[in-house]
Amino acid sequence: MICKDCGKPITHDQHRDSTESLGVTLCERHTKLIKKIILNNNTPIEAIHLFYALKEAGAHPMLEWWDGKKSVDVAISRVKLNIEIDKDYNMITHEQAINDLEEAMHSFKNGFTTIRIPHLAIKYYLDDTVQNILGIIEGLKANIKVI
């Protein structure tokens, strides 16, 4: 067993601890680091799963990336893609809806594309979600080359 972040071998206890608490195989150092990120940023666990799945797929994601205005759950900076995980999308108010739209507009004005993904899509369809994001990345790469 190896850490999904640094590739170093880990013990059975480290594997158990990280998978039970985070759902990802990590060494003790990276388990502590990810737990600190979750605590400091209120990062959804699905963002952690998506981050490591995208990393494994070769997408070079960044976790809790600062876009100049706020922290973004997952970002792919090479194509200026911000990914937000919606934890409470079924309980959205009209105020939150307009705030989300305004945030997307500001990101877009700065050259970033922001997508919001319901946490359930990651929880139950992680592989499909990753494949769709990889398709979005390819589309954004093609648009960057045209410009």
Protein backbone atom coordinates (compact mmCIF):
# COMPACT_ATOMS: atom_id res chain seq x y z
CA MET A 1 0.00 0.00 0.00
CA ILE A 2 1.24 3.43 -0.92
CA CYS A 3 0.13 6.99 -0.22
CA LYS A 4 -1.94 8.42 -3.10
CA ASP A 5 -0.26 11.78 -2.57
CA CYS A 6 3.47 11.12 -2.19
CA GLY A 7 3.72 7.49 -3.32
CA LYS A 8 5.56 6.38 -0.17
CA PRO A 9 4.79 2.98 1.36
CA ILE A 10 2.39 3.07 4.31
CA THR A 11 1.58 0.66 7.11
CA HIS A 12 -1.65 -1.25 7.47
CA ASP A 13 -2.64 1.03 10.38
CA GLN A 14 -2.00 4.18 8.32
CA HIS A 15 -4.06 2.71 5.48
CA ARG A 16 -6.94 1.88 7.81
CA ASP A 17 -6.86 5.27 9.55
CA SER A 18 -6.81 7.29 6.34
CA THR A 19 -9.45 5.25 4.51
CA GLU A 20 -11.79 5.21 7.52
CA SER A 21 -11.55 8.96 8.10
CA LEU A 22 -11.05 10.28 4.55
CA GLY A 23 -11.87 7.44 2.17
CA VAL A 24 -8.44 7.76 0.54
CA THR A 25 -5.19 5.85 1.11
CA LEU A 26 -2.71 8.37 2.54
CA CYS A 27 0.40 8.37 4.72
CA GLU A 28 0.23 9.85 8.21
CA ARG A 29 1.66 13.20 7.04
CA HIS A 30 -0.86 13.65 4.23
CA THR A 31 -3.77 12.40 6.37
CA LYS A 32 -2.98 15.15 8.90
CA LEU A 33 -2.57 17.72 6.13
CA ILE A 34 -5.90 16.88 4.48
CA LYS A 35 -7.70 16.85 7.83
CA LYS A 36 -6.28 20.32 8.54
CA ILE A 37 -7.47 21.56 5.12
CA ILE A 38 -10.95 20.17 5.81
CA LEU A 39 -11.05 21.81 9.23
CA ASN A 40 -9.74 25.20 8.07
CA ASN A 41 -11.84 25.47 4.90
CA ASN A 42 -14.90 23.34 5.63
CA THR A 43 -13.91 21.28 2.60
CA PRO A 44 -16.44 18.60 1.69
CA ILE A 45 -15.10 15.03 1.81
CA GLU A 46 -16.31 14.62 -1.78
CA ALA A 47 -13.84 17.34 -2.82
CA ILE A 48 -11.04 15.21 -1.36
CA HIS A 49 -12.26 12.15 -3.28
CA LEU A 50 -12.56 14.17 -6.50
CA PHE A 51 -9.14 15.76 -6.01
CA TYR A 52 -7.38 12.39 -5.71
CA ALA A 53 -9.41 10.81 -8.52
CA LEU A 54 -8.50 13.70 -10.85
CA LYS A 55 -4.87 13.49 -9.72
CA GLU A 56 -4.85 9.77 -10.51
CA ALA A 57 -6.32 10.56 -13.94
CA GLY A 58 -3.44 12.99 -14.62
CA ALA A 59 -5.42 16.24 -14.45
CA HIS A 60 -3.09 18.11 -12.02
CA PRO A 61 -5.81 19.45 -9.68
CA MET A 62 -5.30 21.82 -6.77
CA LEU A 63 -7.26 21.50 -3.54
CA GLU A 64 -8.68 24.62 -1.87
CA TRP A 65 -7.11 26.97 -4.39
CA TRP A 66 -7.37 30.72 -3.71
CA ASP A 67 -8.77 32.44 -6.81
CA GLY A 68 -8.13 35.97 -5.53
CA LYS A 69 -11.58 36.33 -4.01
CA LYS A 70 -12.36 33.03 -2.31
CA SER A 71 -11.13 29.50 -1.84
CA VAL A 72 -12.26 27.05 -4.54
CA ASP A 73 -12.79 23.38 -3.60
CA VAL A 74 -10.83 22.00 -6.58
CA ALA A 75 -9.14 23.89 -9.40
CA ILE A 76 -7.40 22.96 -12.64
CA SER A 77 -5.31 26.08 -13.13
CA ARG A 78 -3.89 25.14 -16.56
CA VAL A 79 -7.33 25.59 -18.11
CA LYS A 80 -8.72 28.04 -15.52
CA LEU A 81 -11.39 25.64 -14.28
CA ASN A 82 -12.85 26.06 -10.79
CA ILE A 83 -14.89 23.19 -9.36
CA GLU A 84 -17.21 23.75 -6.42
CA ILE A 85 -18.90 20.86 -4.64
CA ASP A 86 -22.52 21.55 -3.73
CA LYS A 87 -23.30 19.92 -0.40
CA ASP A 88 -26.73 21.48 0.09
CA TYR A 89 -27.91 21.95 -3.49
CA ASN A 90 -31.40 20.66 -2.69
CA MET A 91 -31.88 23.37 -0.05
CA ILE A 92 -30.76 26.37 -2.10
CA THR A 93 -32.51 29.68 -1.56
CA HIS A 94 -33.08 32.30 -4.21
CA GLU A 95 -30.48 34.50 -2.46
CA GLN A 96 -27.88 31.74 -2.64
CA ALA A 97 -28.77 31.08 -6.28
CA ILE A 98 -28.11 34.71 -7.26
CA ASN A 99 -24.92 34.79 -5.16
CA ASP A 100 -23.68 31.66 -6.95
CA LEU A 101 -24.49 33.26 -10.31
CA GLU A 102 -22.63 36.46 -9.36
CA GLU A 103 -19.59 34.46 -8.24
CA ALA A 104 -19.62 32.55 -11.53
CA MET A 105 -19.84 35.86 -13.42
CA HIS A 106 -16.85 37.33 -11.56
CA SER A 107 -14.83 34.16 -12.19
CA PHE A 108 -15.79 34.22 -15.86
CA LYS A 109 -14.78 37.89 -16.18
CA ASN A 110 -11.37 36.87 -14.83
CA GLY A 111 -11.09 34.11 -17.43
CA PHE A 112 -12.18 31.23 -15.19
CA THR A 113 -14.92 28.71 -15.78
CA THR A 114 -16.72 27.61 -12.60
CA ILE A 115 -18.75 24.43 -12.44
CA ARG A 116 -20.82 23.27 -9.49
CA ILE A 117 -21.14 19.53 -8.93
CA PRO A 118 -23.66 18.01 -6.51
CA HIS A 119 -21.85 15.99 -3.84
CA LEU A 120 -24.03 12.98 -4.68
CA ALA A 121 -22.57 12.83 -8.21
CA ILE A 122 -19.14 12.34 -6.66
CA LYS A 123 -20.33 10.01 -3.92
CA TYR A 124 -22.15 7.62 -6.27
CA TYR A 125 -20.66 8.34 -9.72
CA LEU A 126 -17.04 9.33 -9.09
CA ASP A 127 -15.62 7.66 -12.22
CA ASP A 128 -18.30 9.19 -14.48
CA THR A 129 -17.80 12.58 -12.84
CA VAL A 130 -14.04 12.41 -13.42
CA GLN A 131 -14.54 11.42 -17.07
CA ASN A 132 -16.92 14.34 -17.61
CA ILE A 133 -14.48 16.77 -15.98
CA LEU A 134 -11.67 15.42 -18.17
CA GLY A 135 -13.91 16.13 -21.18
CA ILE A 136 -14.49 19.68 -19.94
CA ILE A 137 -10.72 20.11 -19.51
CA GLU A 138 -10.12 18.95 -23.08
CA GLY A 139 -12.76 21.39 -24.35
CA LEU A 140 -11.20 24.25 -22.41
CA LYS A 141 -7.72 23.32 -23.72
CA ALA A 142 -9.07 23.43 -27.29
CA ASN A 143 -10.60 26.87 -26.67
CA ILE A 144 -7.35 28.18 -25.20
CA LYS A 145 -5.45 27.04 -28.32
CA VAL A 146 -7.96 28.82 -30.58
CA ILE A 147 -7.57 32.10 -28.68
